[in-house]
Amino acid sequence: MLIEALLTMLAVAAPHKAPAAIVAPSSVFAATPSPAYQPQARAVDNWRFESALALEMAPVAAIRRALGAEAGEPARCVKLNNYWCIKSAGWNGEIAADADGHVAFASAEEGAAVAALLLRRYYVNYGRRTARAIVERWAPAQCSLVFAPAAPRRPAVALGLPASRGGMARMSPQRVASMGIALRGIQGTLRARWLAAHGRGGVNLKTARRPLARPVDLIPAPSIMAGVSELPARREKLAELIEPAPRLTIADLPPSPAPRPPPLGVSNCSGELARIATYAANMAQGVVGGPNEDLTLFTADGAPTENLAKVMANMAAVEIGPARPRDALIRIAVAQLRQMLEGATKPAGDAAPAAAAAQPPPAHAGR
């Protein structure tokens, strides 16, 4: 009955007006049990009521959401009270995490407070001042370079060859043969077999008459009969011309070229890069002129500016679209961040009123 009464009050109020449950959540949830994470449903058990109060919804849609009668299925981060899809890191209000590492917050207010704190870390501590730089770290591309494995190389000693002949050792064993006289020709082609049978100049090595071991000197002829007389120098020259070709060995062959490096395979990242570019453009919309301009989320001393609330609203619209968080939820998160920063910079010896000292520190600030 309490839920129905609150939703009736929400239906009467203006759609953009923050409900009383968001302005003073402790007074409403004081009697409710502690929220719990449901692994089977991948949701926090109070996500319906939290989203009905924290998201911009029509009154009828909010009532259907709270009663579990909505038509469609919301984004998974809505069920986690995590409208910015923050990953687990031991944040305040974190009660669990899903299989992908997204935090399940106890309330939407705690999720918004952590988002504001995390954006300050990105901007101030990490120096990521543009929408593109923040998105590349906030929602990085899910692709990377993949090196193709190199084919195993067989060492030279595997074929029983010396190390100096490692180039020929990469050939298959049946192709390694003595290269003195290839009886069937290199690789067994028709032309190779013919050249192997006839040798240089087309001479058949089987039927050709070999020169005598020692040339016979002919009878000296008159010098007028040029070409008939056989002088010793001419005989030696003729013997060199008909001398058989030298025998070739494997060592005389030129080394084989070095193997090419393995190809470098790159997974297709075009879709991820387009997603990051679209995310960054939507994040900078209405704040700066483009995704590569400084968002000016914080001042020089680290205090949040008005742009922080605008950027948080744009980011949540991308993460849980088409749903959008209410402005009151984001303003409360920014106010809590500002209060936490002011408390950290206050001198330790500053005297504070007793009433202020009795107040507890902000419960929803990130670590």
Protein backbone atom coordinates (compact mmCIF):
# COMPACT_ATOMS: atom_id res chain seq x y z
CA MET A 1 0.00 0.00 0.00
CA LEU A 2 2.87 2.35 0.69
CA ILE A 3 4.20 1.91 -2.86
CA GLU A 4 0.80 2.60 -4.38
CA ALA A 5 0.40 5.76 -2.30
CA LEU A 6 3.82 7.06 -3.36
CA LEU A 7 3.14 6.33 -7.03
CA THR A 8 -0.17 8.12 -6.82
CA MET A 9 1.60 11.18 -5.48
CA LEU A 10 4.12 10.85 -8.33
CA ALA A 11 1.32 10.80 -10.91
CA VAL A 12 -0.12 14.03 -9.53
CA ALA A 13 3.27 15.79 -9.58
CA ALA A 14 4.77 17.25 -12.73
CA PRO A 15 6.84 14.79 -14.81
CA HIS A 16 10.08 16.80 -14.46
CA LYS A 17 9.68 17.57 -10.79
CA ALA A 18 11.82 15.49 -8.47
CA PRO A 19 9.80 13.14 -6.23
CA ALA A 20 10.09 13.47 -2.49
CA ALA A 21 11.74 10.03 -2.36
CA ILE A 22 14.76 11.41 -4.21
CA VAL A 23 15.00 14.63 -2.22
CA ALA A 24 14.94 12.78 1.10
CA PRO A 25 15.54 9.08 0.40
CA SER A 26 16.46 8.18 3.97
CA SER A 27 12.97 9.01 5.25
CA VAL A 28 11.33 6.70 2.72
CA PHE A 29 13.66 3.69 2.80
CA ALA A 30 14.29 3.69 6.56
CA ALA A 31 11.83 0.84 7.11
CA THR A 32 12.64 -1.12 3.95
CA PRO A 33 14.95 -4.15 4.11
CA SER A 34 18.47 -4.02 2.72
CA PRO A 35 18.55 -4.48 -1.06
CA ALA A 36 20.02 -7.71 -2.39
CA TYR A 37 21.45 -8.80 -5.73
CA GLN A 38 19.71 -11.60 -7.62
CA PRO A 39 22.27 -13.46 -9.78
CA GLN A 40 19.67 -15.35 -11.83
CA ALA A 41 17.88 -12.17 -12.86
CA ARG A 42 21.12 -10.12 -12.88
CA ALA A 43 19.28 -7.39 -11.01
CA VAL A 44 18.91 -5.75 -7.62
CA ASP A 45 15.59 -6.61 -6.05
CA ASN A 46 14.59 -2.91 -5.66
CA TRP A 47 15.46 -1.79 -9.19
CA ARG A 48 11.84 -1.34 -10.26
CA PHE A 49 11.01 1.10 -7.50
CA GLU A 50 14.35 2.89 -7.89
CA SER A 51 13.93 3.37 -11.63
CA ALA A 52 10.30 4.48 -11.26
CA LEU A 53 11.46 7.31 -9.02
CA ALA A 54 14.87 8.16 -10.52
CA LEU A 55 14.21 7.98 -14.28
CA GLU A 56 12.26 10.39 -16.44
CA MET A 57 9.07 8.44 -17.05
CA ALA A 58 5.43 9.25 -17.58
CA PRO A 59 3.27 8.68 -14.49
CA VAL A 60 1.50 5.67 -16.01
CA ALA A 61 4.81 4.15 -17.13
CA ALA A 62 6.28 4.68 -13.65
CA ILE A 63 3.34 2.88 -12.06
CA ARG A 64 3.69 -0.02 -14.48
CA ARG A 65 7.42 -0.20 -13.81
CA ALA A 66 6.94 -0.30 -10.05
CA LEU A 67 4.29 -2.99 -10.33
CA GLY A 68 6.22 -5.05 -12.88
CA ALA A 69 3.68 -4.56 -15.66
CA GLU A 70 5.85 -2.77 -18.22
CA ALA A 71 5.82 -4.02 -21.81
CA GLY A 72 9.52 -3.91 -22.76
CA GLU A 73 12.73 -4.96 -21.08
CA PRO A 74 14.96 -2.13 -19.78
CA ALA A 75 18.72 -1.94 -20.19
CA ARG A 76 20.72 -4.26 -17.97
CA CYS A 77 22.38 -1.39 -16.08
CA VAL A 78 18.93 -0.11 -15.08
CA LYS A 79 18.38 -3.36 -13.22
CA LEU A 80 21.65 -2.77 -11.36
CA ASN A 81 20.77 0.80 -10.23
CA ASN A 82 23.87 1.70 -12.24
CA TYR A 83 22.77 4.16 -14.92
CA TRP A 84 26.37 4.86 -16.02
CA CYS A 85 27.42 1.18 -16.26
CA ILE A 86 30.34 1.60 -13.87
CA LYS A 87 32.68 -1.36 -13.39
CA SER A 88 33.36 -2.89 -9.99
CA ALA A 89 36.12 -1.33 -7.90
CA GLY A 90 34.86 -1.54 -4.31
CA TRP A 91 32.71 1.60 -4.48
CA ASN A 92 30.48 2.83 -1.70
CA GLY A 93 27.05 1.28 -2.10
CA GLU A 94 28.39 -1.64 -4.16
CA ILE A 95 26.67 -4.85 -3.12
CA ALA A 96 27.67 -7.15 -6.01
CA ALA A 97 28.76 -7.26 -9.65
CA ASP A 98 27.45 -9.12 -12.67
CA ALA A 99 29.43 -11.47 -14.91
CA ASP A 100 30.80 -8.54 -16.94
CA GLY A 101 31.98 -6.61 -13.87
CA HIS A 102 29.20 -3.99 -13.77
CA VAL A 103 28.39 -2.81 -10.26
CA ALA A 104 25.08 -3.55 -8.59
CA PHE A 105 24.39 -0.53 -6.40
CA ALA A 106 22.01 -0.51 -3.45
CA SER A 107 20.30 2.61 -4.83
CA ALA A 108 20.34 4.79 -7.90
CA GLU A 109 21.53 7.72 -5.79
CA GLU A 110 24.71 5.88 -4.84
CA GLY A 111 25.36 4.98 -8.45
CA ALA A 112 25.05 8.64 -9.50
CA ALA A 113 27.42 9.74 -6.73
CA VAL A 114 30.08 7.26 -7.86
CA ALA A 115 29.69 8.40 -11.49
CA ALA A 116 30.36 12.02 -10.51
CA LEU A 117 33.42 11.01 -8.49
CA LEU A 118 34.78 8.81 -11.28
CA LEU A 119 34.42 11.60 -13.84
CA ARG A 120 36.46 13.84 -11.56
CA ARG A 121 39.23 11.24 -11.43
CA TYR A 122 39.27 10.99 -15.21
CA TYR A 123 39.35 14.75 -15.67
CA VAL A 124 41.63 15.86 -12.81
CA ASN A 125 43.85 12.87 -12.01
CA TYR A 126 44.11 11.18 -15.43
CA GLY A 127 44.09 14.38 -17.50
CA ARG A 128 41.29 13.18 -19.79
CA ARG A 129 39.53 16.45 -20.55
CA THR A 130 37.74 15.75 -23.84
CA ALA A 131 34.73 13.55 -24.50
CA ARG A 132 36.76 11.31 -26.79
CA ALA A 133 39.51 10.81 -24.22
CA ILE A 134 37.03 9.98 -21.45
CA VAL A 135 35.00 7.54 -23.54
CA GLU A 136 38.12 5.68 -24.70
CA ARG A 137 38.81 4.88 -21.04
CA TRP A 138 35.22 4.69 -19.78
CA ALA A 139 33.97 2.32 -22.50
CA PRO A 140 37.09 1.06 -24.32
CA ALA A 141 37.01 -0.82 -27.61
CA GLN A 142 36.63 -4.59 -27.28
CA CYS A 143 39.21 -5.48 -29.93
CA SER A 144 43.01 -5.80 -30.03
CA LEU A 145 45.90 -6.74 -32.30
CA VAL A 146 46.31 -10.48 -32.89
CA PHE A 147 49.68 -11.82 -34.11
CA ALA A 148 49.47 -14.86 -36.38
CA PRO A 149 51.59 -17.72 -34.98
CA ALA A 150 54.74 -18.37 -37.00
CA ALA A 151 55.09 -21.78 -38.64
CA PRO A 152 57.65 -24.00 -36.87
CA ARG A 153 60.97 -24.06 -38.72
CA ARG A 154 62.86 -27.32 -39.01
CA PRO A 155 66.52 -26.96 -37.98
CA ALA A 156 69.29 -27.78 -40.41
CA VAL A 157 70.56 -30.71 -38.34
CA ALA A 158 67.22 -32.48 -38.81
CA LEU A 159 68.25 -33.38 -42.39
CA GLY A 160 71.81 -34.27 -41.55
CA LEU A 161 73.25 -31.23 -43.36
CA PRO A 162 75.97 -28.90 -42.11
CA ALA A 163 74.92 -25.65 -40.49
CA SER A 164 76.33 -23.66 -43.45
CA ARG A 165 73.70 -25.25 -45.70
CA GLY A 166 70.77 -24.18 -43.58
CA GLY A 167 69.14 -22.53 -46.61
CA MET A 168 68.74 -25.85 -48.42
CA ALA A 169 67.68 -27.54 -45.19
CA ARG A 170 64.29 -25.83 -45.45
CA MET A 171 63.55 -27.86 -48.62
CA SER A 172 61.61 -31.08 -48.33
CA PRO A 173 63.88 -34.18 -48.10
CA GLN A 174 62.90 -35.58 -51.52
CA ARG A 175 64.16 -32.40 -53.26
CA VAL A 176 67.64 -32.46 -51.72
CA ALA A 177 69.90 -34.37 -54.14
CA SER A 178 73.44 -34.33 -55.44
CA MET A 179 73.78 -31.58 -58.02
CA GLY A 180 76.83 -32.97 -59.87
CA ILE A 181 74.90 -34.59 -62.78
CA ALA A 182 71.15 -34.89 -62.29
CA LEU A 183 70.33 -38.02 -64.28
CA ARG A 184 66.66 -37.23 -64.47
CA GLY A 185 67.10 -33.47 -64.37
CA ILE A 186 66.24 -31.01 -61.64
CA GLN A 187 62.56 -31.44 -60.64
CA GLY A 188 62.10 -34.07 -63.42
CA THR A 189 60.75 -31.74 -66.14
CA LEU A 190 61.06 -32.63 -69.83
CA ARG A 191 63.57 -29.88 -70.58
CA ALA A 192 65.57 -30.73 -67.48
CA ARG A 193 65.83 -34.39 -68.52
CA TRP A 194 66.95 -33.40 -72.03
CA LEU A 195 69.62 -31.03 -70.68
CA ALA A 196 70.81 -33.69 -68.26
CA ALA A 197 71.19 -36.20 -71.10
CA HIS A 198 72.93 -33.90 -73.60
CA GLY A 199 74.95 -31.58 -71.37
CA ARG A 200 76.16 -28.20 -72.54
CA GLY A 201 75.91 -27.43 -76.25
CA GLY A 202 73.54 -30.33 -76.92
CA VAL A 203 76.27 -33.04 -76.79
CA ASN A 204 75.12 -36.50 -75.73
CA LEU A 205 77.31 -37.46 -72.81
CA LYS A 206 76.90 -41.20 -73.49
CA THR A 207 77.82 -41.25 -77.21
CA ALA A 208 80.23 -38.31 -77.38
CA ARG A 209 83.87 -39.28 -77.86
CA ARG A 210 86.05 -38.01 -75.10
CA PRO A 211 89.37 -36.39 -76.05
CA LEU A 212 92.53 -38.36 -75.74
CA ALA A 213 94.39 -38.10 -72.54
CA ARG A 214 97.38 -36.64 -74.40
CA PRO A 215 96.91 -34.87 -77.75
CA VAL A 216 99.03 -36.24 -80.62
CA ASP A 217 101.29 -33.71 -82.32
CA LEU A 218 100.70 -33.58 -86.07
CA ILE A 219 103.41 -33.01 -88.61
CA PRO A 220 104.25 -29.34 -88.74
CA ALA A 221 102.78 -27.75 -91.88
CA PRO A 222 103.87 -24.63 -93.68
CA SER A 223 102.63 -21.41 -92.14
CA ILE A 224 100.84 -20.62 -95.43
CA MET A 225 98.29 -23.34 -94.59
CA ALA A 226 96.70 -21.46 -91.68
CA GLY A 227 94.56 -23.62 -89.48
CA VAL A 228 96.14 -26.91 -90.53
CA SER A 229 99.27 -26.82 -88.43
CA GLU A 230 98.77 -28.03 -84.86
CA LEU A 231 100.99 -26.13 -82.48
CA PRO A 232 101.09 -27.12 -78.78
CA ALA A 233 99.34 -23.89 -77.70
CA ARG A 234 96.46 -24.55 -80.09
CA ARG A 235 96.08 -28.12 -78.85
CA GLU A 236 95.84 -26.93 -75.26
CA LYS A 237 93.22 -24.37 -76.24
CA LEU A 238 91.13 -26.99 -78.00
CA ALA A 239 91.42 -29.29 -75.01
CA GLU A 240 90.01 -26.51 -72.75
CA LEU A 241 87.08 -25.93 -75.12
CA ILE A 242 85.96 -29.57 -75.07
CA GLU A 243 86.66 -30.10 -71.37
CA PRO A 244 83.48 -31.31 -69.60
CA ALA A 245 81.61 -28.92 -67.31
CA PRO A 246 82.66 -28.88 -63.65
CA ARG A 247 80.57 -30.86 -61.22
CA LEU A 248 78.20 -28.82 -59.08
CA THR A 249 77.46 -29.50 -55.42
CA ILE A 250 74.88 -28.18 -52.97
CA ALA A 251 77.47 -25.84 -51.48
CA ASP A 252 77.93 -24.14 -54.89
CA LEU A 253 74.25 -23.14 -55.09
CA PRO A 254 73.24 -19.66 -53.92
CA PRO A 255 71.56 -19.56 -50.51
CA SER A 256 67.78 -19.52 -50.47
CA PRO A 257 66.11 -16.23 -49.54
CA ALA A 258 65.20 -15.59 -45.94
CA PRO A 259 61.62 -16.54 -45.02
CA ARG A 260 59.07 -13.76 -44.87
CA PRO A 261 57.80 -12.70 -41.44
CA PRO A 262 54.41 -14.10 -40.46
CA PRO A 263 51.46 -11.93 -41.46
CA LEU A 264 50.06 -9.58 -38.86
CA GLY A 265 46.36 -10.14 -38.36
CA VAL A 266 44.23 -7.31 -36.93
CA SER A 267 40.73 -7.94 -35.66
CA ASN A 268 38.04 -5.76 -37.16
CA CYS A 269 37.71 -2.69 -34.91
CA SER A 270 35.69 -0.51 -37.26
CA GLY A 271 32.45 -1.11 -35.37
CA GLU A 272 34.03 -0.37 -32.00
CA LEU A 273 35.68 2.81 -33.26
CA ALA A 274 32.36 4.00 -34.68
CA ARG A 275 30.67 3.27 -31.35
CA ILE A 276 33.26 5.30 -29.45
CA ALA A 277 32.96 8.20 -31.89
CA THR A 278 29.15 8.23 -31.56
CA TYR A 279 29.35 7.99 -27.77
CA ALA A 280 31.80 10.90 -27.59
CA ALA A 281 29.68 13.07 -29.92
CA ASN A 282 26.55 12.48 -27.82
CA MET A 283 28.50 13.13 -24.64
CA ALA A 284 29.70 16.54 -25.86
CA GLN A 285 26.31 17.54 -27.30
CA GLY A 286 25.06 20.78 -25.75
CA VAL A 287 28.27 21.21 -23.73
CA VAL A 288 31.05 22.00 -26.24
CA GLY A 289 31.37 22.19 -29.99
CA GLY A 290 32.89 18.75 -30.55
CA PRO A 291 34.17 15.56 -28.90
CA ASN A 292 37.80 16.77 -29.02
CA GLU A 293 37.26 20.01 -27.06
CA ASP A 294 37.81 20.51 -23.35
CA LEU A 295 34.56 19.78 -21.51
CA THR A 296 35.48 22.08 -18.59
CA LEU A 297 33.92 19.74 -16.06
CA PHE A 298 35.99 21.06 -13.16
CA THR A 299 37.77 24.27 -12.28
CA ALA A 300 41.48 24.64 -11.72
CA ASP A 301 41.10 23.76 -8.03
CA GLY A 302 38.97 20.67 -8.83
CA ALA A 303 35.49 22.03 -8.06
CA PRO A 304 32.66 20.77 -10.32
CA THR A 305 31.10 23.12 -12.85
CA GLU A 306 27.64 23.19 -14.41
CA ASN A 307 28.93 21.13 -17.34
CA LEU A 308 29.35 18.10 -15.09
CA ALA A 309 25.60 17.61 -14.69
CA LYS A 310 25.04 18.01 -18.45
CA VAL A 311 27.73 15.47 -19.32
CA MET A 312 26.40 12.98 -16.78
CA ALA A 313 22.92 13.25 -18.28
CA ASN A 314 24.29 12.71 -21.81
CA MET A 315 26.34 9.71 -20.74
CA ALA A 316 23.43 8.05 -18.96
CA ALA A 317 21.26 8.55 -22.05
CA VAL A 318 23.82 6.57 -24.05
CA GLU A 319 24.33 3.84 -21.47
CA ILE A 320 20.65 3.15 -20.66
CA GLY A 321 18.95 4.81 -23.64
CA PRO A 322 16.23 5.70 -24.30
CA ALA A 323 15.74 6.17 -20.57
CA ARG A 324 17.24 9.24 -18.92
CA PRO A 325 17.85 9.99 -15.23
CA ARG A 326 16.02 12.87 -13.61
CA ASP A 327 17.86 16.15 -13.18
CA ALA A 328 17.31 16.02 -9.42
CA LEU A 329 19.24 12.73 -9.17
CA ILE A 330 22.26 14.19 -10.96
CA ARG A 331 22.15 17.47 -9.03
CA ILE A 332 22.19 15.58 -5.73
CA ALA A 333 25.24 13.60 -6.88
CA VAL A 334 27.10 16.76 -7.89
CA ALA A 335 26.17 18.45 -4.58
CA GLN A 336 27.49 15.47 -2.63
CA LEU A 337 30.75 15.59 -4.58
CA ARG A 338 31.15 19.29 -3.90
CA GLN A 339 30.43 18.74 -0.21
CA MET A 340 33.01 15.95 -0.04
CA LEU A 341 35.68 18.14 -1.68
CA GLU A 342 34.98 21.03 0.64
CA GLY A 343 35.26 18.76 3.67
CA ALA A 344 38.60 17.41 2.42
CA THR A 345 40.09 20.89 1.94
CA LYS A 346 38.91 22.22 5.32
CA PRO A 347 41.83 22.71 7.76
CA ALA A 348 42.09 20.09 10.47
CA GLY A 349 42.35 22.69 13.24
CA ASP A 350 39.26 24.60 12.13
CA ALA A 351 36.75 24.74 14.91
CA ALA A 352 33.32 23.53 13.84
CA PRO A 353 30.00 23.85 15.62
CA ALA A 354 28.94 20.93 17.71
CA ALA A 355 25.91 20.29 15.56
CA ALA A 356 28.05 20.10 12.43
CA ALA A 357 30.50 17.78 14.14
CA ALA A 358 27.69 15.43 15.07
CA GLN A 359 26.58 15.03 11.46
CA PRO A 360 27.95 11.91 9.73
CA PRO A 361 30.10 12.26 6.59
CA PRO A 362 28.45 11.86 3.17
CA ALA A 363 27.37 8.26 2.90
CA HIS A 364 27.32 8.06 -0.91
CA ALA A 365 30.66 9.59 -1.86
CA GLY A 366 33.02 7.35 -3.77
CA ARG A 367 36.28 6.25 -2.30
